[in-house]
């Protein structure tokens, strides 16, 4: 009986862990920069090769092409970093 319970608990934990990983990796479209910066303080960059055109920033941007593409409209200076701070 204990072995069955342990196996069932293990399966449930694996399922929960897999669903939380999928939720964390899903790209999200934000309404504005305030929302985006609440999750990604330095904004979102299209790739690690891009350089900020607006001068010094406080935080390093999170790199994700998919996330950047969903929030491209918030890249006002067109430097391939949306909502940089």
N, C-alpha and C. Protein backbone atom coordinates (compact mmCIF):
# COMPACT_ATOMS: atom_id res chain seq x y z
N UNK A 1 0.81 -1.19 0.00
CA UNK A 1 0.00 0.00 0.00
C UNK A 1 0.86 1.26 0.00
N UNK A 2 1.93 1.27 0.82
CA UNK A 2 2.79 2.44 0.90
C UNK A 2 3.51 2.69 -0.43
N UNK A 3 3.93 1.60 -1.09
CA UNK A 3 4.64 1.74 -2.35
C UNK A 3 3.73 2.37 -3.41
N UNK A 4 2.47 1.96 -3.45
CA UNK A 4 1.52 2.52 -4.41
C UNK A 4 1.31 4.01 -4.15
N UNK A 5 1.19 4.37 -2.90
CA UNK A 5 0.99 5.76 -2.53
C UNK A 5 2.20 6.61 -2.91
N UNK A 6 3.38 6.09 -2.68
CA UNK A 6 4.62 6.79 -3.04
C UNK A 6 4.72 6.97 -4.55
N UNK A 7 4.38 5.96 -5.30
CA UNK A 7 4.42 6.03 -6.77
C UNK A 7 3.42 7.05 -7.26
N UNK A 8 2.20 7.04 -6.73
CA UNK A 8 1.18 7.99 -7.15
C UNK A 8 1.61 9.42 -6.82
N UNK A 9 2.15 9.64 -5.63
CA UNK A 9 2.63 10.97 -5.24
C UNK A 9 3.76 11.42 -6.17
N UNK A 10 4.64 10.51 -6.51
CA UNK A 10 5.75 10.84 -7.41
C UNK A 10 5.25 11.24 -8.78
N UNK A 11 4.26 10.53 -9.28
CA UNK A 11 3.68 10.85 -10.60
C UNK A 11 3.00 12.22 -10.56
N UNK A 12 2.28 12.49 -9.49
CA UNK A 12 1.61 13.79 -9.36
C UNK A 12 2.62 14.93 -9.30
N UNK A 13 3.69 14.73 -8.56
CA UNK A 13 4.72 15.75 -8.47
C UNK A 13 5.38 16.01 -9.82
N UNK A 14 5.64 14.95 -10.57
CA UNK A 14 6.21 15.11 -11.91
C UNK A 14 5.27 15.87 -12.82
N UNK A 15 3.99 15.57 -12.76
CA UNK A 15 3.00 16.25 -13.59
C UNK A 15 2.91 17.73 -13.23
N UNK A 16 2.90 18.04 -11.95
CA UNK A 16 2.85 19.44 -11.50
C UNK A 16 4.11 20.19 -11.92
N UNK A 17 5.24 19.55 -11.78
CA UNK A 17 6.50 20.17 -12.15
C UNK A 17 6.55 20.46 -13.64
N UNK A 18 6.09 19.53 -14.47
CA UNK A 18 6.09 19.72 -15.92
C UNK A 18 5.15 20.84 -16.32
N UNK A 19 4.00 20.96 -15.69
CA UNK A 19 3.07 22.02 -16.05
C UNK A 19 3.60 23.39 -15.62
N UNK A 20 4.32 23.47 -14.50
CA UNK A 20 4.87 24.75 -14.09
C UNK A 20 6.02 25.18 -14.99
N UNK A 21 6.79 24.24 -15.51
CA UNK A 21 7.86 24.56 -16.45
C UNK A 21 7.27 25.10 -17.74
N UNK A 22 6.21 24.46 -18.24
CA UNK A 22 5.55 24.94 -19.46
C UNK A 22 4.98 26.33 -19.26
N UNK A 23 4.39 26.62 -18.12
CA UNK A 23 3.83 27.93 -17.86
C UNK A 23 4.93 28.99 -17.79
N UNK A 24 6.07 28.63 -17.24
CA UNK A 24 7.17 29.59 -17.09
C UNK A 24 7.82 29.91 -18.43
N UNK A 25 7.81 28.98 -19.36
CA UNK A 25 8.48 29.21 -20.63
C UNK A 25 7.56 29.80 -21.69
N UNK A 26 6.28 29.92 -21.41
CA UNK A 26 5.33 30.46 -22.37
C UNK A 26 5.51 31.98 -22.45
N UNK A 27 5.69 32.50 -23.66
CA UNK A 27 5.86 33.94 -23.84
C UNK A 27 4.52 34.63 -23.66
N UNK A 28 4.56 35.82 -23.10
CA UNK A 28 3.35 36.56 -22.78
C UNK A 28 3.39 37.94 -23.41
N UNK A 29 2.25 38.38 -23.91
CA UNK A 29 2.13 39.73 -24.46
C UNK A 29 1.65 40.65 -23.33
N UNK A 30 2.37 41.74 -23.10
CA UNK A 30 2.04 42.67 -22.04
C UNK A 30 1.31 43.89 -22.60
N UNK A 31 0.51 44.56 -21.76
CA UNK A 31 -0.24 45.74 -22.18
C UNK A 31 0.66 46.96 -22.35
N UNK A 32 1.65 47.08 -21.45
CA UNK A 32 2.52 48.26 -21.47
C UNK A 32 3.86 47.93 -20.80
N UNK A 33 4.75 48.90 -20.83
CA UNK A 33 6.10 48.68 -20.26
C UNK A 33 6.07 48.51 -18.74
N UNK A 34 5.14 49.14 -18.08
CA UNK A 34 5.05 48.99 -16.63
C UNK A 34 4.80 47.53 -16.26
N UNK A 35 3.87 46.90 -16.98
CA UNK A 35 3.60 45.48 -16.75
C UNK A 35 4.81 44.62 -17.09
N UNK A 36 5.41 44.87 -18.25
CA UNK A 36 6.57 44.08 -18.68
C UNK A 36 7.72 44.23 -17.70
N UNK A 37 7.99 45.46 -17.25
CA UNK A 37 9.09 45.68 -16.31
C UNK A 37 8.80 45.12 -14.93
N UNK A 38 7.55 44.86 -14.61
CA UNK A 38 7.21 44.20 -13.36
C UNK A 38 7.73 42.77 -13.33
N UNK A 39 7.81 42.16 -14.51
CA UNK A 39 8.30 40.78 -14.61
C UNK A 39 9.76 40.75 -15.05
N UNK A 40 10.12 41.58 -16.02
CA UNK A 40 11.48 41.64 -16.58
C UNK A 40 12.01 43.06 -16.37
N UNK A 41 12.74 43.29 -15.27
CA UNK A 41 13.17 44.64 -14.88
C UNK A 41 13.96 45.37 -15.96
N UNK A 42 14.79 44.66 -16.69
CA UNK A 42 15.63 45.31 -17.70
C UNK A 42 15.01 45.32 -19.08
N UNK A 43 13.76 44.90 -19.20
CA UNK A 43 13.12 44.81 -20.50
C UNK A 43 13.42 43.47 -21.16
N UNK A 44 13.11 43.38 -22.44
CA UNK A 44 13.30 42.14 -23.18
C UNK A 44 14.05 42.42 -24.47
N UNK A 45 15.16 41.73 -24.68
CA UNK A 45 15.97 41.88 -25.89
C UNK A 45 15.69 40.75 -26.85
N UNK A 46 15.80 41.05 -28.15
CA UNK A 46 15.58 40.03 -29.18
C UNK A 46 16.70 38.99 -29.17
N UNK A 47 17.94 39.43 -28.98
CA UNK A 47 19.07 38.50 -28.90
C UNK A 47 20.12 39.08 -27.95
N UNK A 48 21.08 38.26 -27.60
CA UNK A 48 22.12 38.72 -26.67
C UNK A 48 23.14 39.63 -27.37
N UNK A 49 23.07 39.71 -28.69
CA UNK A 49 24.01 40.54 -29.45
C UNK A 49 23.61 42.01 -29.54
N UNK A 50 22.37 42.35 -29.26
CA UNK A 50 21.90 43.72 -29.45
C UNK A 50 22.46 44.66 -28.40
N UNK A 51 22.65 45.90 -28.78
CA UNK A 51 23.18 46.93 -27.89
C UNK A 51 22.12 48.02 -27.71
N UNK A 52 21.99 48.53 -26.51
CA UNK A 52 21.03 49.58 -26.22
C UNK A 52 21.47 50.88 -26.88
N UNK A 53 20.57 51.51 -27.62
CA UNK A 53 20.88 52.77 -28.30
C UNK A 53 20.57 53.98 -27.42
N UNK A 54 19.83 53.79 -26.34
CA UNK A 54 19.39 54.92 -25.51
C UNK A 54 20.34 55.31 -24.40
N UNK A 55 21.52 54.77 -24.34
CA UNK A 55 22.46 55.12 -23.28
C UNK A 55 22.54 54.05 -22.22
N UNK A 56 22.99 54.45 -21.01
CA UNK A 56 23.17 53.51 -19.91
C UNK A 56 21.83 52.98 -19.40
N UNK A 57 21.83 51.73 -19.01
CA UNK A 57 20.64 51.14 -18.40
C UNK A 57 20.98 50.63 -17.01
N UNK A 58 19.95 50.54 -16.18
CA UNK A 58 20.13 50.09 -14.81
C UNK A 58 20.22 48.56 -14.72
N UNK A 59 19.42 47.88 -15.55
CA UNK A 59 19.32 46.42 -15.49
C UNK A 59 19.64 45.80 -16.84
N UNK A 60 20.10 44.56 -16.81
CA UNK A 60 20.37 43.82 -18.03
C UNK A 60 19.05 43.24 -18.55
N UNK A 61 18.78 43.36 -19.85
CA UNK A 61 17.51 42.84 -20.37
C UNK A 61 17.49 41.32 -20.44
N UNK A 62 16.30 40.77 -20.32
CA UNK A 62 16.07 39.33 -20.49
C UNK A 62 16.07 39.06 -22.00
N UNK A 63 16.72 38.01 -22.44
CA UNK A 63 16.84 37.71 -23.87
C UNK A 63 15.85 36.60 -24.26
N UNK A 64 14.94 36.95 -25.18
CA UNK A 64 13.98 35.97 -25.71
C UNK A 64 13.39 36.53 -26.99
N UNK A 65 13.69 35.89 -28.11
CA UNK A 65 13.16 36.34 -29.40
C UNK A 65 11.64 36.26 -29.42
N UNK A 66 11.09 35.17 -28.91
CA UNK A 66 9.63 34.99 -28.92
C UNK A 66 8.94 36.06 -28.07
N UNK A 67 9.47 36.32 -26.89
CA UNK A 67 8.89 37.32 -26.00
C UNK A 67 9.04 38.72 -26.59
N UNK A 68 10.21 38.99 -27.19
CA UNK A 68 10.41 40.29 -27.82
C UNK A 68 9.42 40.49 -28.98
N UNK A 69 9.26 39.47 -29.82
CA UNK A 69 8.37 39.58 -30.97
C UNK A 69 6.93 39.87 -30.54
N UNK A 70 6.49 39.28 -29.44
CA UNK A 70 5.14 39.54 -28.94
C UNK A 70 4.98 40.96 -28.41
N UNK A 71 6.08 41.57 -27.95
CA UNK A 71 6.02 42.90 -27.35
C UNK A 71 6.82 43.94 -28.14
N UNK A 72 7.01 43.69 -29.40
CA UNK A 72 7.81 44.56 -30.28
C UNK A 72 7.30 46.01 -30.29
N UNK A 73 6.00 46.21 -30.18
CA UNK A 73 5.42 47.56 -30.25
C UNK A 73 5.93 48.47 -29.13
N UNK A 74 6.48 47.88 -28.08
CA UNK A 74 6.98 48.68 -26.96
C UNK A 74 8.45 49.05 -27.10
N UNK A 75 9.04 48.72 -28.23
CA UNK A 75 10.44 49.11 -28.51
C UNK A 75 10.40 50.43 -29.28
N UNK A 76 10.28 51.52 -28.55
CA UNK A 76 10.10 52.83 -29.19
C UNK A 76 11.30 53.29 -29.97
N UNK A 77 12.52 52.98 -29.53
CA UNK A 77 13.71 53.45 -30.24
C UNK A 77 14.24 52.43 -31.24
N UNK A 78 13.54 51.34 -31.44
CA UNK A 78 13.86 50.32 -32.45
C UNK A 78 15.27 49.76 -32.33
N UNK A 79 15.73 49.58 -31.09
CA UNK A 79 17.08 49.02 -30.87
C UNK A 79 17.05 47.53 -30.55
N UNK A 80 15.89 46.90 -30.75
CA UNK A 80 15.65 45.48 -30.50
C UNK A 80 15.64 45.11 -29.01
N UNK A 81 15.39 46.12 -28.17
CA UNK A 81 15.17 45.89 -26.73
C UNK A 81 13.89 46.62 -26.36
N UNK A 82 12.88 45.88 -25.93
CA UNK A 82 11.61 46.48 -25.54
C UNK A 82 11.64 46.84 -24.06
N UNK A 83 11.25 48.06 -23.75
CA UNK A 83 11.08 48.54 -22.37
C UNK A 83 12.36 48.46 -21.53
N UNK A 84 13.49 48.80 -22.12
CA UNK A 84 14.74 48.77 -21.34
C UNK A 84 14.73 49.83 -20.25
N UNK A 85 15.36 49.51 -19.13
CA UNK A 85 15.49 50.44 -17.99
C UNK A 85 16.95 50.55 -17.62
